[in-house]
Amino acid sequence: MLVAALVLAFIGFLLLVASIYTGKIIFTFALIAVVIVGLILVLIDMIRGRGRRS
């Protein structure tokens, strides 16, 4: 899941650049969606990691 989060971070960066360059709001909304999905993946990975230690 870490790899998926890194890929989403890269996609998010590209969307940020596109949003700034073009000034279109749709890229910003897509960026927010990608960030939320990436955050959920990282949180799931953290929770699963804690479960393995116990």
C-alpha atoms as a PDB file:
ATOM      1  CA  MET A   1       0.000   0.000   0.000  1.00  0.00           C
ATOM      2  CA  LEU A   2       2.951   2.276   0.491  1.00  0.00           C
ATOM      3  CA  VAL A   3       3.741   2.049  -3.217  1.00  0.00           C
ATOM      4  CA  ALA A   4       0.148   2.963  -4.050  1.00  0.00           C
ATOM      5  CA  ALA A   5       0.355   5.969  -1.712  1.00  0.00           C
ATOM      6  CA  LEU A   6       3.598   7.079  -3.385  1.00  0.00           C
ATOM      7  CA  VAL A   7       2.026   6.758  -6.836  1.00  0.00           C
ATOM      8  CA  LEU A   8      -0.948   8.801  -5.647  1.00  0.00           C
ATOM      9  CA  ALA A   9       1.425  11.434  -4.258  1.00  0.00           C
ATOM     10  CA  PHE A  10       3.108  11.684  -7.655  1.00  0.00           C
ATOM     11  CA  ILE A  11      -0.259  11.954  -9.416  1.00  0.00           C
ATOM     12  CA  GLY A  12      -1.270  14.588  -6.881  1.00  0.00           C
ATOM     13  CA  PHE A  13       1.867  16.580  -7.628  1.00  0.00           C
ATOM     14  CA  LEU A  14       1.123  16.457 -11.346  1.00  0.00           C
ATOM     15  CA  LEU A  15      -2.444  17.591 -10.700  1.00  0.00           C
ATOM     16  CA  LEU A  16      -1.153  20.451  -8.551  1.00  0.00           C
ATOM     17  CA  VAL A  17       1.145  21.620 -11.325  1.00  0.00           C
ATOM     18  CA  ALA A  18      -1.662  21.302 -13.877  1.00  0.00           C
ATOM     19  CA  SER A  19      -4.033  23.216 -11.613  1.00  0.00           C
ATOM     20  CA  ILE A  20      -1.601  26.069 -11.128  1.00  0.00           C
ATOM     21  CA  TYR A  21      -0.577  26.170 -14.779  1.00  0.00           C
ATOM     22  CA  THR A  22      -4.062  26.065 -16.310  1.00  0.00           C
ATOM     23  CA  GLY A  23      -6.060  27.698 -13.528  1.00  0.00           C
ATOM     24  CA  LYS A  24      -8.886  25.175 -13.914  1.00  0.00           C
ATOM     25  CA  ILE A  25     -10.767  24.176 -10.787  1.00  0.00           C
ATOM     26  CA  ILE A  26     -11.384  20.591 -11.966  1.00  0.00           C
ATOM     27  CA  PHE A  27      -7.714  19.765 -11.445  1.00  0.00           C
ATOM     28  CA  THR A  28      -7.969  21.087  -7.898  1.00  0.00           C
ATOM     29  CA  PHE A  29     -10.956  18.871  -7.126  1.00  0.00           C
ATOM     30  CA  ALA A  30      -9.145  15.879  -8.606  1.00  0.00           C
ATOM     31  CA  LEU A  31      -6.113  16.729  -6.454  1.00  0.00           C
ATOM     32  CA  ILE A  32      -8.255  16.814  -3.315  1.00  0.00           C
ATOM     33  CA  ALA A  33      -9.758  13.424  -4.179  1.00  0.00           C
ATOM     34  CA  VAL A  34      -6.308  11.901  -4.772  1.00  0.00           C
ATOM     35  CA  VAL A  35      -5.026  13.296  -1.475  1.00  0.00           C
ATOM     36  CA  ILE A  36      -7.982  11.850   0.436  1.00  0.00           C
ATOM     37  CA  VAL A  37      -7.517   8.400  -1.133  1.00  0.00           C
ATOM     38  CA  GLY A  38      -3.779   8.510  -0.394  1.00  0.00           C
ATOM     39  CA  LEU A  39      -4.423   9.503   3.222  1.00  0.00           C
ATOM     40  CA  ILE A  40      -6.886   6.644   3.642  1.00  0.00           C
ATOM     41  CA  LEU A  41      -4.342   4.174   2.241  1.00  0.00           C
ATOM     42  CA  VAL A  42      -1.635   5.399   4.612  1.00  0.00           C
ATOM     43  CA  LEU A  43      -3.980   5.197   7.594  1.00  0.00           C
ATOM     44  CA  ILE A  44      -5.038   1.658   6.661  1.00  0.00           C
ATOM     45  CA  ASP A  45      -1.382   0.688   6.319  1.00  0.00           C
ATOM     46  CA  MET A  46      -0.596   2.141   9.754  1.00  0.00           C
ATOM     47  CA  ILE A  47      -3.504   0.323  11.390  1.00  0.00           C
ATOM     48  CA  ARG A  48      -2.548  -2.974   9.761  1.00  0.00           C
ATOM     49  CA  GLY A  49       1.067  -2.483  10.883  1.00  0.00           C
ATOM     50  CA  ARG A  50       0.033  -1.994  14.508  1.00  0.00           C
ATOM     51  CA  GLY A  51      -2.084  -5.139  14.385  1.00  0.00           C
ATOM     52  CA  ARG A  52       0.902  -7.243  13.333  1.00  0.00           C
ATOM     53  CA  ARG A  53       3.055  -6.098  16.262  1.00  0.00           C
ATOM     54  CA  SER A  54       0.614  -7.188  18.950  1.00  0.00           C
END
